[in-house]
Amino acid sequence: MNSAKINGKEEPNPCLVQKVFVSEGDIIKKDDNHFMLEAMEMENIIKDLEGKR
């Protein structure tokens, strides 16, 4: 089984980045959306848990 690592965490299912919510240089606050992944017809929004630039 192939897997991808995102931020040190493994994603065992193939997925596509459907939407990116931030741009380079944006100030990111805690709980801001980063991007949306789609895998097996399910959408998952990846959020910031710490609030970093």
N, C-alpha and C. Protein backbone atom coordinates (compact mmCIF):
# COMPACT_ATOMS: atom_id res chain seq x y z
N MET A 1 0.85 -1.18 0.00
CA MET A 1 0.00 0.00 0.00
C MET A 1 0.89 1.24 0.00
N ASN A 2 0.64 2.16 -0.90
CA ASN A 2 1.37 3.42 -0.94
C ASN A 2 0.70 4.41 -0.01
N SER A 3 1.51 5.27 0.59
CA SER A 3 0.95 6.30 1.46
C SER A 3 1.76 7.57 1.31
N ALA A 4 1.14 8.68 1.64
CA ALA A 4 1.81 9.98 1.59
C ALA A 4 1.90 10.51 3.01
N LYS A 5 2.95 11.28 3.29
CA LYS A 5 3.08 11.88 4.60
C LYS A 5 2.76 13.36 4.51
N ILE A 6 1.87 13.81 5.38
CA ILE A 6 1.50 15.21 5.46
C ILE A 6 1.80 15.66 6.87
N ASN A 7 2.74 16.59 6.99
CA ASN A 7 3.10 17.12 8.31
C ASN A 7 3.47 16.01 9.28
N GLY A 8 4.17 14.98 8.79
CA GLY A 8 4.60 13.89 9.64
C GLY A 8 3.56 12.81 9.87
N LYS A 9 2.35 12.99 9.36
CA LYS A 9 1.29 12.01 9.53
C LYS A 9 1.07 11.29 8.21
N GLU A 10 0.80 10.00 8.28
CA GLU A 10 0.62 9.21 7.08
C GLU A 10 -0.81 9.25 6.59
N GLU A 11 -0.98 9.37 5.28
CA GLU A 11 -2.29 9.32 4.64
C GLU A 11 -2.30 8.08 3.75
N PRO A 12 -2.95 6.99 4.20
CA PRO A 12 -2.88 5.73 3.46
C PRO A 12 -3.69 5.71 2.17
N ASN A 13 -4.68 6.59 2.03
CA ASN A 13 -5.51 6.62 0.83
C ASN A 13 -5.00 7.66 -0.15
N PRO A 14 -5.04 7.35 -1.44
CA PRO A 14 -4.70 8.38 -2.42
C PRO A 14 -5.70 9.52 -2.31
N CYS A 15 -5.21 10.74 -2.39
CA CYS A 15 -6.12 11.87 -2.26
C CYS A 15 -5.68 13.00 -3.19
N LEU A 16 -6.59 13.92 -3.42
CA LEU A 16 -6.33 15.09 -4.25
C LEU A 16 -6.57 16.34 -3.43
N VAL A 17 -5.73 17.35 -3.64
CA VAL A 17 -5.98 18.65 -3.03
C VAL A 17 -7.01 19.35 -3.91
N GLN A 18 -8.19 19.58 -3.38
CA GLN A 18 -9.27 20.18 -4.16
C GLN A 18 -9.28 21.70 -4.08
N LYS A 19 -8.89 22.25 -2.93
CA LYS A 19 -8.96 23.70 -2.75
C LYS A 19 -7.90 24.12 -1.73
N VAL A 20 -7.25 25.25 -2.00
CA VAL A 20 -6.28 25.82 -1.06
C VAL A 20 -6.87 27.14 -0.56
N PHE A 21 -6.92 27.29 0.76
CA PHE A 21 -7.56 28.45 1.37
C PHE A 21 -6.59 29.56 1.74
N VAL A 22 -5.29 29.31 1.71
CA VAL A 22 -4.30 30.30 2.12
C VAL A 22 -3.31 30.55 0.98
N SER A 23 -2.65 31.69 1.06
CA SER A 23 -1.62 32.05 0.09
C SER A 23 -0.32 32.33 0.83
N GLU A 24 0.76 32.31 0.11
CA GLU A 24 2.06 32.61 0.71
C GLU A 24 2.03 34.01 1.33
N GLY A 25 2.50 34.11 2.55
CA GLY A 25 2.54 35.39 3.24
C GLY A 25 1.31 35.69 4.09
N ASP A 26 0.25 34.88 3.98
CA ASP A 26 -0.95 35.09 4.79
C ASP A 26 -0.64 34.90 6.27
N ILE A 27 -1.29 35.65 7.12
CA ILE A 27 -1.20 35.43 8.55
C ILE A 27 -2.28 34.42 8.91
N ILE A 28 -1.86 33.31 9.50
CA ILE A 28 -2.77 32.20 9.78
C ILE A 28 -3.05 32.16 11.28
N LYS A 29 -4.33 32.16 11.62
CA LYS A 29 -4.74 32.09 13.02
C LYS A 29 -5.17 30.66 13.35
N LYS A 30 -5.21 30.38 14.63
CA LYS A 30 -5.64 29.05 15.08
C LYS A 30 -7.01 28.73 14.50
N ASP A 31 -7.18 27.52 14.04
CA ASP A 31 -8.42 26.97 13.45
C ASP A 31 -8.73 27.49 12.05
N ASP A 32 -7.82 28.24 11.41
CA ASP A 32 -8.02 28.64 10.01
C ASP A 32 -7.90 27.41 9.11
N ASN A 33 -8.67 27.37 8.05
CA ASN A 33 -8.58 26.29 7.05
C ASN A 33 -7.34 26.49 6.19
N HIS A 34 -6.62 25.39 5.93
CA HIS A 34 -5.46 25.44 5.05
C HIS A 34 -5.82 24.96 3.64
N PHE A 35 -6.33 23.72 3.57
CA PHE A 35 -6.68 23.15 2.27
C PHE A 35 -7.70 22.04 2.45
N MET A 36 -8.31 21.62 1.33
CA MET A 36 -9.30 20.56 1.34
C MET A 36 -8.77 19.38 0.54
N LEU A 37 -8.81 18.21 1.15
CA LEU A 37 -8.43 16.97 0.48
C LEU A 37 -9.68 16.18 0.13
N GLU A 38 -9.64 15.51 -1.02
CA GLU A 38 -10.73 14.61 -1.39
C GLU A 38 -10.15 13.22 -1.58
N ALA A 39 -10.73 12.26 -0.88
CA ALA A 39 -10.32 10.86 -1.00
C ALA A 39 -11.58 10.00 -0.90
N MET A 40 -11.74 9.11 -1.83
CA MET A 40 -12.88 8.19 -1.84
C MET A 40 -14.20 8.94 -1.72
N GLU A 41 -14.35 10.04 -2.47
CA GLU A 41 -15.56 10.86 -2.52
C GLU A 41 -15.91 11.52 -1.18
N MET A 42 -14.92 11.64 -0.29
CA MET A 42 -15.12 12.35 0.97
C MET A 42 -14.17 13.54 1.00
N GLU A 43 -14.66 14.67 1.50
CA GLU A 43 -13.83 15.87 1.58
C GLU A 43 -13.40 16.09 3.02
N ASN A 44 -12.11 16.39 3.21
CA ASN A 44 -11.56 16.66 4.53
C ASN A 44 -10.86 18.01 4.50
N ILE A 45 -11.24 18.90 5.40
CA ILE A 45 -10.59 20.21 5.47
C ILE A 45 -9.52 20.14 6.54
N ILE A 46 -8.30 20.51 6.15
CA ILE A 46 -7.16 20.52 7.06
C ILE A 46 -7.03 21.90 7.66
N LYS A 47 -7.03 21.98 9.00
CA LYS A 47 -7.00 23.24 9.71
C LYS A 47 -5.67 23.42 10.45
N ASP A 48 -5.37 24.65 10.80
CA ASP A 48 -4.21 24.95 11.62
C ASP A 48 -4.60 24.77 13.08
N LEU A 49 -3.79 24.04 13.84
CA LEU A 49 -4.10 23.81 15.24
C LEU A 49 -3.30 24.72 16.17
N GLU A 50 -2.26 25.39 15.63
CA GLU A 50 -1.39 26.19 16.49
C GLU A 50 -1.43 27.68 16.18
N GLY A 51 -1.70 28.05 14.96
CA GLY A 51 -1.69 29.44 14.57
C GLY A 51 -0.28 29.95 14.33
N LYS A 52 0.24 29.69 13.16
CA LYS A 52 1.59 30.11 12.78
C LYS A 52 1.52 30.93 11.51
N ARG A 53 2.57 31.67 11.24
CA ARG A 53 2.63 32.42 10.00
C ARG A 53 3.18 31.58 8.90
